Full PDB file with SEQRES, HELIX, SHEET, SSBOND, CRYST1, ORIGX, SCALE, CONECT and MASTER records, all heavy atoms in Angstrom:
SEQRES   1 A   35  ASP LEU LEU GLN GLU ARG ASN ARG ALA THR PHE ASP PRO          
SEQRES   2 A   35  SER GLN LEU THR TYR PHE LEU TYR ASP GLY ALA GLU LYS          
SEQRES   3 A   35  THR LYS ARG LYS ARG TYR ILE GLN ASN                          
HELIX    1 AA1 LEU A    2  ASN A    7  1                                   6    
HELIX    2 AA2 PRO A   13  LEU A   20  1                                   8    
HELIX    3 AA3 ALA A   24  GLN A   34  1                                  11    
CRYST1    1.000    1.000    1.000  90.00  90.00  90.00 P 1           1          
ORIGX1      1.000000  0.000000  0.000000        0.00000                         
ORIGX2      0.000000  1.000000  0.000000        0.00000                         
ORIGX3      0.000000  0.000000  1.000000        0.00000                         
SCALE1      1.000000  0.000000  0.000000        0.00000                         
SCALE2      0.000000  1.000000  0.000000        0.00000                         
SCALE3      0.000000  0.000000  1.000000        0.00000                         
ATOM      1  N   ASP A   1       0.803  -1.231  -0.007  1.00  0.00           N  
ATOM      2  CA  ASP A   1      -0.005  -0.009   0.005  1.00  0.00           C  
ATOM      3  C   ASP A   1       0.852   1.308  -0.011  1.00  0.00           C  
ATOM      4  O   ASP A   1       0.583   2.265  -0.669  1.00  0.00           O  
ATOM      5  CB  ASP A   1      -0.907   0.015   1.188  1.00  0.00           C  
ATOM      6  CG  ASP A   1      -2.068  -0.965   1.022  1.00  0.00           C  
ATOM      7  OD1 ASP A   1      -2.474  -1.219  -0.074  1.00  0.00           O  
ATOM      8  OD2 ASP A   1      -2.615  -1.507   2.112  1.00  0.00           O  
ATOM      9  N   LEU A   2       1.964   1.171   0.788  1.00  0.00           N  
ATOM     10  CA  LEU A   2       2.815   2.409   0.804  1.00  0.00           C  
ATOM     11  C   LEU A   2       3.588   2.556  -0.532  1.00  0.00           C  
ATOM     12  O   LEU A   2       3.815   3.698  -0.953  1.00  0.00           O  
ATOM     13  CB  LEU A   2       3.809   2.221   1.980  1.00  0.00           C  
ATOM     14  CG  LEU A   2       4.377   3.492   2.666  1.00  0.00           C  
ATOM     15  CD1 LEU A   2       3.282   4.503   2.945  1.00  0.00           C  
ATOM     16  CD2 LEU A   2       5.212   3.123   3.853  1.00  0.00           C  
ATOM     17  N   LEU A   3       3.947   1.485  -1.093  1.00  0.00           N  
ATOM     18  CA  LEU A   3       4.646   1.466  -2.366  1.00  0.00           C  
ATOM     19  C   LEU A   3       3.740   2.068  -3.491  1.00  0.00           C  
ATOM     20  O   LEU A   3       4.175   2.871  -4.231  1.00  0.00           O  
ATOM     21  CB  LEU A   3       5.082   0.058  -2.769  1.00  0.00           C  
ATOM     22  CG  LEU A   3       5.967  -0.084  -3.920  1.00  0.00           C  
ATOM     23  CD1 LEU A   3       7.313   0.662  -3.776  1.00  0.00           C  
ATOM     24  CD2 LEU A   3       6.259  -1.531  -4.274  1.00  0.00           C  
ATOM     25  N   GLN A   4       2.501   1.631  -3.360  1.00  0.00           N  
ATOM     26  CA  GLN A   4       1.482   2.152  -4.340  1.00  0.00           C  
ATOM     27  C   GLN A   4       1.372   3.761  -4.227  1.00  0.00           C  
ATOM     28  O   GLN A   4       1.203   4.444  -5.127  1.00  0.00           O  
ATOM     29  CB  GLN A   4       0.150   1.521  -4.211  1.00  0.00           C  
ATOM     30  CG  GLN A   4      -0.926   1.945  -5.167  1.00  0.00           C  
ATOM     31  CD  GLN A   4      -2.255   1.234  -4.929  1.00  0.00           C  
ATOM     32  OE1 GLN A   4      -2.294  -0.014  -5.060  1.00  0.00           O  
ATOM     33  NE2 GLN A   4      -3.206   1.977  -4.703  1.00  0.00           N  
ATOM     34  N   GLU A   5       1.297   4.180  -2.864  1.00  0.00           N  
ATOM     35  CA  GLU A   5       1.144   5.554  -2.645  1.00  0.00           C  
ATOM     36  C   GLU A   5       2.294   6.374  -3.295  1.00  0.00           C  
ATOM     37  O   GLU A   5       2.107   7.433  -3.829  1.00  0.00           O  
ATOM     38  CB  GLU A   5       1.118   5.825  -1.191  1.00  0.00           C  
ATOM     39  CG  GLU A   5      -0.161   5.320  -0.393  1.00  0.00           C  
ATOM     40  CD  GLU A   5      -1.427   6.043  -0.857  1.00  0.00           C  
ATOM     41  OE1 GLU A   5      -1.343   7.250  -1.239  1.00  0.00           O  
ATOM     42  OE2 GLU A   5      -2.479   5.433  -0.821  1.00  0.00           O  
ATOM     43  N   ARG A   6       3.491   5.829  -3.165  1.00  0.00           N  
ATOM     44  CA  ARG A   6       4.639   6.532  -3.610  1.00  0.00           C  
ATOM     45  C   ARG A   6       4.610   6.557  -5.220  1.00  0.00           C  
ATOM     46  O   ARG A   6       5.074   7.554  -5.831  1.00  0.00           O  
ATOM     47  CB  ARG A   6       5.880   5.977  -3.161  1.00  0.00           C  
ATOM     48  CG  ARG A   6       6.108   6.226  -1.630  1.00  0.00           C  
ATOM     49  CD  ARG A   6       7.199   5.523  -0.985  1.00  0.00           C  
ATOM     50  NE  ARG A   6       7.417   5.938   0.400  1.00  0.00           N  
ATOM     51  CZ  ARG A   6       7.652   5.137   1.432  1.00  0.00           C  
ATOM     52  NH1 ARG A   6       7.817   3.863   1.196  1.00  0.00           N  
ATOM     53  NH2 ARG A   6       7.706   5.625   2.630  1.00  0.00           N  
ATOM     54  N   ASN A   7       4.090   5.488  -5.844  1.00  0.00           N  
ATOM     55  CA  ASN A   7       4.138   5.397  -7.290  1.00  0.00           C  
ATOM     56  C   ASN A   7       3.014   6.289  -7.922  1.00  0.00           C  
ATOM     57  O   ASN A   7       3.168   6.711  -9.044  1.00  0.00           O  
ATOM     58  CB  ASN A   7       3.892   3.942  -7.705  1.00  0.00           C  
ATOM     59  CG  ASN A   7       5.130   3.081  -7.430  1.00  0.00           C  
ATOM     60  OD1 ASN A   7       6.236   3.614  -7.394  1.00  0.00           O  
ATOM     61  ND2 ASN A   7       4.859   1.804  -7.240  1.00  0.00           N  
ATOM     62  N   ARG A   8       2.021   6.690  -7.060  1.00  0.00           N  
ATOM     63  CA  ARG A   8       0.876   7.472  -7.687  1.00  0.00           C  
ATOM     64  C   ARG A   8       1.128   8.977  -7.531  1.00  0.00           C  
ATOM     65  O   ARG A   8       0.294   9.749  -8.079  1.00  0.00           O  
ATOM     66  CB  ARG A   8      -0.382   7.015  -7.035  1.00  0.00           C  
ATOM     67  CG  ARG A   8      -0.548   7.521  -5.560  1.00  0.00           C  
ATOM     68  CD  ARG A   8      -1.767   6.973  -4.895  1.00  0.00           C  
ATOM     69  NE  ARG A   8      -3.030   7.418  -5.471  1.00  0.00           N  
ATOM     70  CZ  ARG A   8      -4.223   7.318  -4.834  1.00  0.00           C  
ATOM     71  NH1 ARG A   8      -4.294   6.867  -3.568  1.00  0.00           N  
ATOM     72  NH2 ARG A   8      -5.311   7.706  -5.423  1.00  0.00           N  
ATOM     73  N   ALA A   9       2.179   9.446  -6.871  1.00  0.00           N  
ATOM     74  CA  ALA A   9       2.405  10.744  -6.662  1.00  0.00           C  
ATOM     75  C   ALA A   9       2.587  11.480  -8.068  1.00  0.00           C  
ATOM     76  O   ALA A   9       3.187  10.915  -9.014  1.00  0.00           O  
ATOM     77  CB  ALA A   9       3.689  10.988  -5.804  1.00  0.00           C  
ATOM     78  N   THR A  10       2.037  12.751  -8.086  1.00  0.00           N  
ATOM     79  CA  THR A  10       2.155  13.452  -9.413  1.00  0.00           C  
ATOM     80  C   THR A  10       3.427  14.349  -9.477  1.00  0.00           C  
ATOM     81  O   THR A  10       3.553  15.017 -10.530  1.00  0.00           O  
ATOM     82  CB  THR A  10       0.940  14.337  -9.512  1.00  0.00           C  
ATOM     83  OG1 THR A  10       0.887  15.362  -8.500  1.00  0.00           O  
ATOM     84  CG2 THR A  10      -0.380  13.499  -9.423  1.00  0.00           C  
ATOM     85  N   PHE A  11       4.259  14.366  -8.512  1.00  0.00           N  
ATOM     86  CA  PHE A  11       5.473  15.152  -8.516  1.00  0.00           C  
ATOM     87  C   PHE A  11       6.598  14.326  -7.935  1.00  0.00           C  
ATOM     88  O   PHE A  11       6.390  13.361  -7.300  1.00  0.00           O  
ATOM     89  CB  PHE A  11       5.320  16.531  -7.764  1.00  0.00           C  
ATOM     90  CG  PHE A  11       5.336  16.345  -6.284  1.00  0.00           C  
ATOM     91  CD1 PHE A  11       6.435  16.704  -5.476  1.00  0.00           C  
ATOM     92  CD2 PHE A  11       4.193  15.813  -5.627  1.00  0.00           C  
ATOM     93  CE1 PHE A  11       6.520  16.534  -4.217  1.00  0.00           C  
ATOM     94  CE2 PHE A  11       4.285  15.607  -4.196  1.00  0.00           C  
ATOM     95  CZ  PHE A  11       5.376  15.982  -3.503  1.00  0.00           C  
ATOM     96  N   ASP A  12       7.852  14.822  -8.204  1.00  0.00           N  
ATOM     97  CA  ASP A  12       9.018  14.155  -7.647  1.00  0.00           C  
ATOM     98  C   ASP A  12       9.337  14.708  -6.213  1.00  0.00           C  
ATOM     99  O   ASP A  12       9.666  15.899  -6.106  1.00  0.00           O  
ATOM    100  CB  ASP A  12      10.171  14.452  -8.537  1.00  0.00           C  
ATOM    101  CG  ASP A  12      11.461  13.775  -8.114  1.00  0.00           C  
ATOM    102  OD1 ASP A  12      11.447  13.139  -7.073  1.00  0.00           O  
ATOM    103  OD2 ASP A  12      12.526  13.938  -8.765  1.00  0.00           O  
ATOM    104  N   PRO A  13       9.116  13.954  -5.207  1.00  0.00           N  
ATOM    105  CA  PRO A  13       9.287  14.486  -3.861  1.00  0.00           C  
ATOM    106  C   PRO A  13      10.754  14.864  -3.544  1.00  0.00           C  
ATOM    107  O   PRO A  13      11.011  15.693  -2.669  1.00  0.00           O  
ATOM    108  CB  PRO A  13       8.870  13.352  -2.917  1.00  0.00           C  
ATOM    109  CG  PRO A  13       8.898  12.136  -3.748  1.00  0.00           C  
ATOM    110  CD  PRO A  13       8.630  12.604  -5.186  1.00  0.00           C  
ATOM    111  N   SER A  14      11.674  14.347  -4.338  1.00  0.00           N  
ATOM    112  CA  SER A  14      13.105  14.704  -4.120  1.00  0.00           C  
ATOM    113  C   SER A  14      13.353  16.196  -4.364  1.00  0.00           C  
ATOM    114  O   SER A  14      14.219  16.829  -3.731  1.00  0.00           O  
ATOM    115  CB  SER A  14      14.054  13.855  -4.990  1.00  0.00           C  
ATOM    116  OG  SER A  14      13.855  14.134  -6.282  1.00  0.00           O  
ATOM    117  N   GLN A  15      12.538  16.820  -5.250  1.00  0.00           N  
ATOM    118  CA  GLN A  15      12.701  18.197  -5.578  1.00  0.00           C  
ATOM    119  C   GLN A  15      12.296  19.030  -4.384  1.00  0.00           C  
ATOM    120  O   GLN A  15      12.903  20.089  -4.127  1.00  0.00           O  
ATOM    121  CB  GLN A  15      11.864  18.599  -6.798  1.00  0.00           C  
ATOM    122  CG  GLN A  15      12.250  17.856  -8.112  1.00  0.00           C  
ATOM    123  CD  GLN A  15      13.733  18.079  -8.471  1.00  0.00           C  
ATOM    124  OE1 GLN A  15      14.201  19.241  -8.430  1.00  0.00           O  
ATOM    125  NE2 GLN A  15      14.418  17.023  -8.708  1.00  0.00           N  
ATOM    126  N   LEU A  16      11.260  18.569  -3.668  1.00  0.00           N  
ATOM    127  CA  LEU A  16      10.843  19.278  -2.458  1.00  0.00           C  
ATOM    128  C   LEU A  16      11.897  19.029  -1.322  1.00  0.00           C  
ATOM    129  O   LEU A  16      12.171  19.945  -0.578  1.00  0.00           O  
ATOM    130  CB  LEU A  16       9.466  18.764  -2.035  1.00  0.00           C  
ATOM    131  CG  LEU A  16       8.714  19.555  -0.946  1.00  0.00           C  
ATOM    132  CD1 LEU A  16       8.687  21.055  -1.263  1.00  0.00           C  
ATOM    133  CD2 LEU A  16       7.316  18.974  -0.786  1.00  0.00           C  
ATOM    134  N   THR A  17      12.411  17.842  -1.273  1.00  0.00           N  
ATOM    135  CA  THR A  17      13.476  17.596  -0.279  1.00  0.00           C  
ATOM    136  C   THR A  17      14.706  18.495  -0.521  1.00  0.00           C  
ATOM    137  O   THR A  17      15.251  19.114   0.386  1.00  0.00           O  
ATOM    138  CB  THR A  17      13.975  16.175  -0.354  1.00  0.00           C  
ATOM    139  OG1 THR A  17      12.857  15.326  -0.139  1.00  0.00           O  
ATOM    140  CG2 THR A  17      15.002  15.834   0.666  1.00  0.00           C  
ATOM    141  N   TYR A  18      14.979  18.691  -1.742  1.00  0.00           N  
ATOM    142  CA  TYR A  18      16.233  19.568  -2.125  1.00  0.00           C  
ATOM    143  C   TYR A  18      15.918  21.034  -1.762  1.00  0.00           C  
ATOM    144  O   TYR A  18      16.793  21.756  -1.339  1.00  0.00           O  
ATOM    145  CB  TYR A  18      16.566  19.477  -3.640  1.00  0.00           C  
ATOM    146  CG  TYR A  18      16.931  18.076  -4.066  1.00  0.00           C  
ATOM    147  CD1 TYR A  18      16.817  17.718  -5.425  1.00  0.00           C  
ATOM    148  CD2 TYR A  18      17.474  17.196  -3.209  1.00  0.00           C  
ATOM    149  CE1 TYR A  18      17.231  16.463  -5.895  1.00  0.00           C  
ATOM    150  CE2 TYR A  18      17.870  15.936  -3.607  1.00  0.00           C  
ATOM    151  CZ  TYR A  18      17.734  15.560  -4.953  1.00  0.00           C  
ATOM    152  OH  TYR A  18      18.149  14.321  -5.380  1.00  0.00           O  
ATOM    153  N   PHE A  19      14.621  21.485  -1.896  1.00  0.00           N  
ATOM    154  CA  PHE A  19      14.337  22.785  -1.405  1.00  0.00           C  
ATOM    155  C   PHE A  19      14.445  22.923   0.099  1.00  0.00           C  
ATOM    156  O   PHE A  19      15.079  23.882   0.566  1.00  0.00           O  
ATOM    157  CB  PHE A  19      12.858  23.093  -1.745  1.00  0.00           C  
ATOM    158  CG  PHE A  19      12.289  24.235  -0.920  1.00  0.00           C  
ATOM    159  CD1 PHE A  19      12.607  25.533  -1.090  1.00  0.00           C  
ATOM    160  CD2 PHE A  19      11.379  23.921   0.109  1.00  0.00           C  
ATOM    161  CE1 PHE A  19      12.079  26.593  -0.397  1.00  0.00           C  
ATOM    162  CE2 PHE A  19      10.822  24.971   0.865  1.00  0.00           C  
ATOM    163  CZ  PHE A  19      11.206  26.271   0.635  1.00  0.00           C  
ATOM    164  N   LEU A  20      14.049  21.905   0.814  1.00  0.00           N  
ATOM    165  CA  LEU A  20      14.097  21.929   2.291  1.00  0.00           C  
ATOM    166  C   LEU A  20      15.542  21.987   2.748  1.00  0.00           C  
ATOM    167  O   LEU A  20      15.830  22.530   3.823  1.00  0.00           O  
ATOM    168  CB  LEU A  20      13.397  20.745   2.877  1.00  0.00           C  
ATOM    169  CG  LEU A  20      11.816  20.725   2.667  1.00  0.00           C  
ATOM    170  CD1 LEU A  20      11.242  19.430   3.195  1.00  0.00           C  
ATOM    171  CD2 LEU A  20      11.211  21.919   3.496  1.00  0.00           C  
ATOM    172  N   TYR A  21      16.453  21.321   2.069  1.00  0.00           N  
ATOM    173  CA  TYR A  21      17.828  21.117   2.501  1.00  0.00           C  
ATOM    174  C   TYR A  21      18.823  21.844   1.620  1.00  0.00           C  
ATOM    175  O   TYR A  21      20.019  21.478   1.561  1.00  0.00           O  
ATOM    176  CB  TYR A  21      18.177  19.715   2.733  1.00  0.00           C  
ATOM    177  CG  TYR A  21      17.260  19.004   3.702  1.00  0.00           C  
ATOM    178  CD1 TYR A  21      16.284  18.099   3.321  1.00  0.00           C  
ATOM    179  CD2 TYR A  21      17.277  19.360   5.044  1.00  0.00           C  
ATOM    180  CE1 TYR A  21      15.423  17.527   4.211  1.00  0.00           C  
ATOM    181  CE2 TYR A  21      16.419  18.739   6.005  1.00  0.00           C  
ATOM    182  CZ  TYR A  21      15.490  17.902   5.575  1.00  0.00           C  
ATOM    183  OH  TYR A  21      14.604  17.340   6.472  1.00  0.00           O  
ATOM    184  N   ASP A  22      18.299  22.809   0.829  1.00  0.00           N  
ATOM    185  CA  ASP A  22      19.195  23.676   0.055  1.00  0.00           C  
ATOM    186  C   ASP A  22      19.962  23.013  -1.021  1.00  0.00           C  
ATOM    187  O   ASP A  22      21.205  23.212  -1.245  1.00  0.00           O  
ATOM    188  CB  ASP A  22      20.159  24.401   0.949  1.00  0.00           C  
ATOM    189  CG  ASP A  22      19.451  25.316   1.956  1.00  0.00           C  
ATOM    190  OD1 ASP A  22      18.397  25.958   1.511  1.00  0.00           O  
ATOM    191  OD2 ASP A  22      19.814  25.461   3.132  1.00  0.00           O  
ATOM    192  N   GLY A  23      19.288  22.043  -1.758  1.00  0.00           N  
ATOM    193  CA  GLY A  23      19.943  21.479  -2.950  1.00  0.00           C  
ATOM    194  C   GLY A  23      20.349  19.980  -2.757  1.00  0.00           C  
ATOM    195  O   GLY A  23      20.365  19.483  -1.671  1.00  0.00           O  
ATOM    196  N   ALA A  24      20.657  19.406  -3.924  1.00  0.00           N  
ATOM    197  CA  ALA A  24      20.912  17.952  -3.975  1.00  0.00           C  
ATOM    198  C   ALA A  24      22.192  17.550  -3.189  1.00  0.00           C  
ATOM    199  O   ALA A  24      22.263  16.567  -2.505  1.00  0.00           O  
ATOM    200  CB  ALA A  24      21.046  17.472  -5.391  1.00  0.00           C  
ATOM    201  N   GLU A  25      23.210  18.404  -3.346  1.00  0.00           N  
ATOM    202  CA  GLU A  25      24.454  18.100  -2.692  1.00  0.00           C  
ATOM    203  C   GLU A  25      24.389  18.176  -1.170  1.00  0.00           C  
ATOM    204  O   GLU A  25      24.918  17.387  -0.431  1.00  0.00           O  
ATOM    205  CB  GLU A  25      25.643  19.048  -3.247  1.00  0.00           C  
ATOM    206  CG  GLU A  25      26.035  18.736  -4.584  1.00  0.00           C  
ATOM    207  CD  GLU A  25      26.560  17.202  -4.686  1.00  0.00           C  
ATOM    208  OE1 GLU A  25      27.325  16.834  -3.877  1.00  0.00           O  
ATOM    209  OE2 GLU A  25      26.208  16.549  -5.649  1.00  0.00           O  
ATOM    210  N   LYS A  26      23.725  19.276  -0.691  1.00  0.00           N  
ATOM    211  CA  LYS A  26      23.539  19.408   0.719  1.00  0.00           C  
ATOM    212  C   LYS A  26      22.617  18.390   1.314  1.00  0.00           C  
ATOM    213  O   LYS A  26      22.811  17.892   2.482  1.00  0.00           O  
ATOM    214  CB  LYS A  26      23.049  20.821   1.045  1.00  0.00           C  
ATOM    215  CG  LYS A  26      24.059  21.828   0.787  1.00  0.00           C  
ATOM    216  CD  LYS A  26      23.689  23.251   1.346  1.00  0.00           C  
ATOM    217  CE  LYS A  26      24.814  24.256   1.182  1.00  0.00           C  
ATOM    218  NZ  LYS A  26      24.435  25.646   1.739  1.00  0.00           N  
ATOM    219  N   THR A  27      21.637  17.883   0.464  1.00  0.00           N  
ATOM    220  CA  THR A  27      20.788  16.779   0.937  1.00  0.00           C  
ATOM    221  C   THR A  27      21.573  15.529   1.098  1.00  0.00           C  
ATOM    222  O   THR A  27      21.451  14.809   2.096  1.00  0.00           O  
ATOM    223  CB  THR A  27      19.659  16.570  -0.046  1.00  0.00           C  
ATOM    224  OG1 THR A  27      18.856  17.765  -0.138  1.00  0.00           O  
ATOM    225  CG2 THR A  27      18.738  15.355   0.427  1.00  0.00           C  
ATOM    226  N   LYS A  28      22.496  15.271   0.076  1.00  0.00           N  
ATOM    227  CA  LYS A  28      23.409  14.111   0.149  1.00  0.00           C  
ATOM    228  C   LYS A  28      24.272  14.167   1.445  1.00  0.00           C  
ATOM    229  O   LYS A  28      24.445  13.179   2.137  1.00  0.00           O  
ATOM    230  CB  LYS A  28      24.201  14.054  -1.079  1.00  0.00           C  
ATOM    231  CG  LYS A  28      25.168  12.909  -1.139  1.00  0.00           C  
ATOM    232  CD  LYS A  28      25.904  12.900  -2.482  1.00  0.00           C  
ATOM    233  CE  LYS A  28      26.879  11.666  -2.638  1.00  0.00           C  
ATOM    234  NZ  LYS A  28      27.670  11.756  -3.884  1.00  0.00           N  
ATOM    235  N   ARG A  29      24.798  15.376   1.698  1.00  0.00           N  
ATOM    236  CA  ARG A  29      25.606  15.576   2.862  1.00  0.00           C  
ATOM    237  C   ARG A  29      24.814  15.328   4.148  1.00  0.00           C  
ATOM    238  O   ARG A  29      25.353  14.749   5.038  1.00  0.00           O  
ATOM    239  CB  ARG A  29      26.166  17.014   2.808  1.00  0.00           C  
ATOM    240  CG  ARG A  29      27.025  17.443   4.021  1.00  0.00           C  
ATOM    241  CD  ARG A  29      28.302  16.737   4.090  1.00  0.00           C  
ATOM    242  NE  ARG A  29      29.130  17.303   5.182  1.00  0.00           N  
ATOM    243  CZ  ARG A  29      30.235  16.783   5.615  1.00  0.00           C  
ATOM    244  NH1 ARG A  29      30.650  15.593   5.161  1.00  0.00           N  
ATOM    245  NH2 ARG A  29      30.930  17.358   6.581  1.00  0.00           N  
ATOM    246  N   LYS A  30      23.641  15.833   4.205  1.00  0.00           N  
ATOM    247  CA  LYS A  30      22.789  15.660   5.405  1.00  0.00           C  
ATOM    248  C   LYS A  30      22.569  14.137   5.609  1.00  0.00           C  
ATOM    249  O   LYS A  30      22.660  13.642   6.772  1.00  0.00           O  
ATOM    250  CB  LYS A  30      21.400  16.292   5.104  1.00  0.00           C  
ATOM    251  CG  LYS A  30      20.284  15.815   6.094  1.00  0.00           C  
ATOM    252  CD  LYS A  30      18.911  16.071   5.578  1.00  0.00           C  
ATOM    253  CE  LYS A  30      17.797  15.399   6.327  1.00  0.00           C  
ATOM    254  NZ  LYS A  30      17.723  13.945   6.223  1.00  0.00           N  
ATOM    255  N   ARG A  31      22.285  13.363   4.581  1.00  0.00           N  
ATOM    256  CA  ARG A  31      22.040  11.968   4.764  1.00  0.00           C  
ATOM    257  C   ARG A  31      23.310  11.208   5.238  1.00  0.00           C  
ATOM    258  O   ARG A  31      23.206  10.292   6.001  1.00  0.00           O  
ATOM    259  CB  ARG A  31      21.536  11.344   3.425  1.00  0.00           C  
ATOM    260  CG  ARG A  31      20.123  11.795   3.031  1.00  0.00           C  
ATOM    261  CD  ARG A  31      19.788  11.421   1.616  1.00  0.00           C  
ATOM    262  NE  ARG A  31      18.358  11.822   1.404  1.00  0.00           N  
ATOM    263  CZ  ARG A  31      17.799  11.863   0.166  1.00  0.00           C  
ATOM    264  NH1 ARG A  31      18.574  11.447  -0.906  1.00  0.00           N  
ATOM    265  NH2 ARG A  31      16.585  12.182   0.001  1.00  0.00           N  
ATOM    266  N   TYR A  32      24.492  11.650   4.635  1.00  0.00           N  
ATOM    267  CA  TYR A  32      25.741  11.046   5.140  1.00  0.00           C  
ATOM    268  C   TYR A  32      25.936  11.272   6.617  1.00  0.00           C  
ATOM    269  O   TYR A  32      26.356  10.342   7.326  1.00  0.00           O  
ATOM    270  CB  TYR A  32      26.857  11.626   4.314  1.00  0.00           C  
ATOM    271  CG  TYR A  32      28.217  11.288   4.940  1.00  0.00           C  
ATOM    272  CD1 TYR A  32      28.796  10.057   4.817  1.00  0.00           C  
ATOM    273  CD2 TYR A  32      28.924  12.231   5.666  1.00  0.00           C  
ATOM    274  CE1 TYR A  32      30.036   9.731   5.355  1.00  0.00           C  
ATOM    275  CE2 TYR A  32      30.154  11.979   6.289  1.00  0.00           C  
ATOM    276  CZ  TYR A  32      30.720  10.763   6.062  1.00  0.00           C  
ATOM    277  OH  TYR A  32      31.881  10.402   6.650  1.00  0.00           O  
ATOM    278  N   ILE A  33      25.738  12.491   7.041  1.00  0.00           N  
ATOM    279  CA  ILE A  33      26.015  12.880   8.433  1.00  0.00           C  
ATOM    280  C   ILE A  33      25.044  12.082   9.336  1.00  0.00           C  
ATOM    281  O   ILE A  33      25.417  11.541  10.331  1.00  0.00           O  
ATOM    282  CB  ILE A  33      25.856  14.385   8.689  1.00  0.00           C  
ATOM    283  CG1 ILE A  33      27.011  15.089   7.975  1.00  0.00           C  
ATOM    284  CG2 ILE A  33      25.743  14.748  10.156  1.00  0.00           C  
ATOM    285  CD1 ILE A  33      26.785  16.618   7.933  1.00  0.00           C  
ATOM    286  N   GLN A  34      23.728  12.043   8.944  1.00  0.00           N  
ATOM    287  CA  GLN A  34      22.793  11.381   9.846  1.00  0.00           C  
ATOM    288  C   GLN A  34      22.975   9.866   9.831  1.00  0.00           C  
ATOM    289  O   GLN A  34      22.887   9.239  10.900  1.00  0.00           O  
ATOM    290  CB  GLN A  34      21.374  11.779   9.364  1.00  0.00           C  
ATOM    291  CG  GLN A  34      21.066  13.255   9.605  1.00  0.00           C  
ATOM    292  CD  GLN A  34      19.560  13.539   9.472  1.00  0.00           C  
ATOM    293  OE1 GLN A  34      18.864  12.973   8.663  1.00  0.00           O  
ATOM    294  NE2 GLN A  34      19.103  14.499  10.299  1.00  0.00           N  
ATOM    295  N   ASN A  35      23.257   9.282   8.693  1.00  0.00           N  
ATOM    296  CA  ASN A  35      23.456   7.819   8.662  1.00  0.00           C  
ATOM    297  C   ASN A  35      24.710   7.389   9.416  1.00  0.00           C  
ATOM    298  O   ASN A  35      24.668   6.368  10.074  1.00  0.00           O  
ATOM    299  CB  ASN A  35      23.496   7.349   7.200  1.00  0.00           C  
ATOM    300  CG  ASN A  35      22.200   7.431   6.441  1.00  0.00           C  
ATOM    301  OD1 ASN A  35      21.178   7.392   7.068  1.00  0.00           O  
ATOM    302  ND2 ASN A  35      22.303   7.528   5.129  1.00  0.00           N  
TER     303      ASN A  35                                                      
MASTER        0    0    0    3    0    0    0    6  302    1    0    3          
END                                                                             
């Protein structure tokens, strides 16, 4: 059910994530630090 929800989205959520964390590179850096 959760997989289906993600597949039916009409936009790319990563673009919103990049907005929240100031770009793809900084998002990648955030994930590295947290992991």
